[in-house]
Amino acid sequence: MPSDRLPRDRPLLTTDRLELWLPKVGDTPQVHAIVNEPETARHLGPPQDYAEAFSRGLRAAGSWLLYGYGMFMLRKAGEKEIIGLAGIFHTYRGLGEGMDDQPEAGWIVGAGHVGRGYAREAMLAALEWFDRTRGPKRVVAMIEVGNDASFALAERLGFAEFRRAEKDGCELVLLERVPD
């Protein structure tokens, strides 16, 4: 599906409990609040000011524009509040071969919504959509050491460690999901 035909006025994907929306103008304040919740922020690297949140939002939108895939804004079905982000986006993190310039999976769920299976539900839908629209491809992920819940989810989604790295003082595990 060409990126210029992706819907902005309705969710692109739905699950039993969630709507997965493309990023829109005006999402930044809610996303900034989520990534700066102390329980959420502890595994996301250095604190993020509003300018960085705005820049990340532009990069996320750019992934949709240039590659036709990216992060989804997660909302409970029929609600307006963003409860998290999840999806496969294209990025370059400066972490070297096997990680840079690859489709990368990521998920962040707001502290008030953790432990309810929303990240898993969203990522299953996003990965299925990605595989269906792009063909099965290698997808990478990175998780900060100590984020046990994300490691458990990554394993359930079929990701396995391929090496470790360090960035901004954080020890990271780099993972990959390789199609059969």
Protein backbone atom coordinates (compact mmCIF):
# COMPACT_ATOMS: atom_id res chain seq x y z
CA MET A 1 0.00 0.00 0.00
CA PRO A 2 1.66 3.30 -1.03
CA SER A 3 2.24 5.63 1.91
CA ASP A 4 0.22 8.43 0.26
CA ARG A 5 -2.88 6.27 0.52
CA LEU A 6 -2.56 5.38 4.18
CA PRO A 7 -5.58 6.56 6.18
CA ARG A 8 -5.10 9.43 8.63
CA ASP A 9 -8.76 9.78 9.66
CA ARG A 10 -9.19 6.26 11.03
CA PRO A 11 -7.02 3.50 12.46
CA LEU A 12 -4.96 1.50 9.99
CA LEU A 13 -5.25 -1.65 12.11
CA THR A 14 -7.60 -2.83 14.81
CA THR A 15 -7.38 -5.69 17.30
CA ASP A 16 -9.88 -6.95 19.83
CA ARG A 17 -9.02 -4.10 22.21
CA LEU A 18 -6.88 -1.62 20.32
CA GLU A 19 -6.77 0.77 17.40
CA LEU A 20 -3.40 1.33 15.74
CA TRP A 21 -3.21 4.82 14.22
CA LEU A 22 -0.58 6.49 12.07
CA PRO A 23 1.08 9.47 13.79
CA LYS A 24 -0.78 12.75 13.44
CA VAL A 25 -0.08 16.40 14.14
CA GLY A 26 -0.93 16.92 17.78
CA ASP A 27 0.24 13.51 19.07
CA THR A 28 3.51 14.84 20.52
CA PRO A 29 2.19 16.08 23.90
CA GLN A 30 0.65 12.68 24.73
CA VAL A 31 3.71 10.74 23.55
CA HIS A 32 6.04 13.07 25.46
CA ALA A 33 4.01 12.51 28.63
CA ILE A 34 4.17 8.70 28.19
CA VAL A 35 7.92 8.48 27.59
CA ASN A 36 8.62 10.74 30.56
CA GLU A 37 6.57 8.76 33.09
CA PRO A 38 9.22 7.59 35.58
CA GLU A 39 8.18 3.91 35.34
CA THR A 40 8.29 4.06 31.54
CA ALA A 41 11.37 6.26 31.14
CA ARG A 42 13.66 4.05 33.21
CA HIS A 43 14.30 1.78 30.18
CA LEU A 44 14.35 4.41 27.43
CA GLY A 45 17.79 5.94 27.85
CA PRO A 46 18.42 9.57 28.71
CA PRO A 47 15.40 11.77 29.60
CA GLN A 48 13.63 13.25 26.61
CA ASP A 49 12.75 16.95 26.50
CA TYR A 50 9.87 18.23 24.40
CA ALA A 51 12.13 19.24 21.50
CA GLU A 52 13.54 15.67 21.31
CA ALA A 53 10.01 14.23 21.46
CA PHE A 54 9.01 16.51 18.60
CA SER A 55 12.05 15.45 16.54
CA ARG A 56 11.36 11.77 17.21
CA GLY A 57 7.79 12.29 16.08
CA LEU A 58 9.03 13.78 12.82
CA ARG A 59 11.40 10.83 12.32
CA ALA A 60 8.53 8.43 12.97
CA ALA A 61 6.36 10.21 10.41
CA GLY A 62 9.30 10.19 8.00
CA SER A 63 9.53 6.41 8.24
CA TRP A 64 5.91 6.18 7.10
CA LEU A 65 6.48 8.66 4.28
CA LEU A 66 9.74 7.19 2.96
CA TYR A 67 9.36 3.48 3.71
CA GLY A 68 5.61 2.94 4.03
CA TYR A 69 5.83 1.57 7.57
CA GLY A 70 6.47 2.97 11.01
CA MET A 71 5.29 3.34 14.59
CA PHE A 72 1.60 3.24 15.40
CA MET A 73 -0.07 5.33 18.08
CA LEU A 74 -2.02 2.91 20.28
CA ARG A 75 -5.48 3.74 21.51
CA LYS A 76 -8.06 1.59 23.25
CA ALA A 77 -10.90 0.92 20.82
CA GLY A 78 -13.16 3.95 20.53
CA GLU A 79 -11.02 6.18 22.78
CA LYS A 80 -8.89 9.24 21.96
CA GLU A 81 -6.11 8.90 24.54
CA ILE A 82 -2.82 7.47 23.25
CA ILE A 83 -1.75 4.67 25.61
CA GLY A 84 1.48 3.74 23.84
CA LEU A 85 3.38 3.25 20.62
CA ALA A 86 4.28 0.07 18.75
CA GLY A 87 5.33 -0.97 15.30
CA ILE A 88 8.15 -1.48 12.85
CA PHE A 89 10.00 1.65 11.73
CA HIS A 90 13.12 2.42 9.72
CA THR A 91 15.99 4.10 11.51
CA TYR A 92 19.71 4.53 11.74
CA ARG A 93 21.05 4.44 15.30
CA GLY A 94 24.79 4.32 14.67
CA LEU A 95 25.08 0.83 16.18
CA GLY A 96 26.75 -0.75 13.17
CA GLU A 97 26.26 -3.63 10.82
CA GLY A 98 23.15 -5.70 11.30
CA MET A 99 21.35 -2.93 13.18
CA ASP A 100 21.55 0.28 11.16
CA ASP A 101 19.36 0.94 8.12
CA GLN A 102 17.03 -1.95 8.98
CA PRO A 103 13.35 -2.34 9.83
CA GLU A 104 13.27 -2.08 13.64
CA ALA A 105 10.49 -3.19 15.99
CA GLY A 106 9.69 -1.19 19.07
CA TRP A 107 6.99 -0.82 21.69
CA ILE A 108 6.30 1.53 24.57
CA VAL A 109 3.17 1.32 26.71
CA GLY A 110 2.28 3.99 29.25
CA ALA A 111 2.79 3.03 32.89
CA GLY A 112 -0.94 2.95 33.64
CA HIS A 113 -1.48 0.32 30.94
CA VAL A 114 1.46 -2.04 31.48
CA GLY A 115 0.87 -5.71 32.22
CA ARG A 116 -2.38 -6.03 30.27
CA GLY A 117 -0.95 -7.50 27.06
CA TYR A 118 -1.39 -4.34 24.97
CA ALA A 119 2.19 -4.34 23.65
CA ARG A 120 1.94 -7.99 22.61
CA GLU A 121 -1.46 -7.47 20.98
CA ALA A 122 -0.24 -4.41 19.07
CA MET A 123 3.05 -5.99 17.99
CA LEU A 124 1.38 -9.17 16.74
CA ALA A 125 -0.92 -7.02 14.58
CA ALA A 126 1.94 -4.79 13.40
CA LEU A 127 4.24 -7.70 12.54
CA GLU A 128 1.47 -9.56 10.70
CA TRP A 129 0.67 -6.39 8.71
CA PHE A 130 4.37 -5.77 7.99
CA ASP A 131 4.93 -9.34 6.78
CA ARG A 132 1.78 -9.23 4.65
CA THR A 133 2.53 -5.85 3.04
CA ARG A 134 6.34 -6.04 2.80
CA GLY A 135 6.95 -9.76 2.62
CA PRO A 136 8.71 -11.55 5.45
CA LYS A 137 11.95 -9.67 6.22
CA ARG A 138 14.51 -9.59 8.96
CA VAL A 139 13.41 -7.14 11.67
CA VAL A 140 15.70 -5.96 14.46
CA ALA A 141 15.04 -4.61 17.94
CA MET A 142 17.07 -3.20 20.79
CA ILE A 143 16.31 -3.49 24.48
CA GLU A 144 18.16 -2.02 27.43
CA VAL A 145 19.64 -4.59 29.81
CA GLY A 146 17.31 -4.99 32.78
CA ASN A 147 14.05 -4.53 30.86
CA ASP A 148 12.87 -8.07 31.59
CA ALA A 149 9.27 -7.51 30.46
CA SER A 150 10.42 -6.36 27.00
CA PHE A 151 12.84 -9.29 26.72
CA ALA A 152 9.99 -11.70 27.51
CA LEU A 153 7.79 -10.10 24.88
CA ALA A 154 10.59 -10.05 22.29
CA GLU A 155 11.12 -13.78 22.81
CA ARG A 156 7.37 -14.47 22.42
CA LEU A 157 7.46 -12.46 19.18
CA GLY A 158 10.33 -14.58 17.81
CA PHE A 159 13.29 -12.24 18.43
CA ALA A 160 16.69 -13.60 19.49
CA GLU A 161 19.88 -11.82 20.55
CA PHE A 162 22.55 -11.35 17.89
CA ARG A 163 24.94 -9.07 19.80
CA ARG A 164 25.31 -6.40 22.48
CA ALA A 165 26.14 -2.71 22.21
CA GLU A 166 26.43 0.43 24.32
CA LYS A 167 24.94 3.83 23.54
CA ASP A 168 24.61 6.93 25.71
CA GLY A 169 25.78 4.95 28.73
CA CYS A 170 23.13 2.25 28.29
CA GLU A 171 23.96 -1.42 27.76
CA LEU A 172 21.77 -2.71 24.95
CA VAL A 173 20.88 -6.14 23.65
CA LEU A 174 20.38 -6.19 19.88
CA LEU A 175 17.85 -8.74 18.68
CA GLU A 176 16.59 -10.00 15.35
CA ARG A 177 13.52 -11.78 14.01
CA VAL A 178 14.51 -13.73 10.92
CA PRO A 179 11.78 -15.17 8.68
CA ASP A 180 11.72 -18.95 8.21
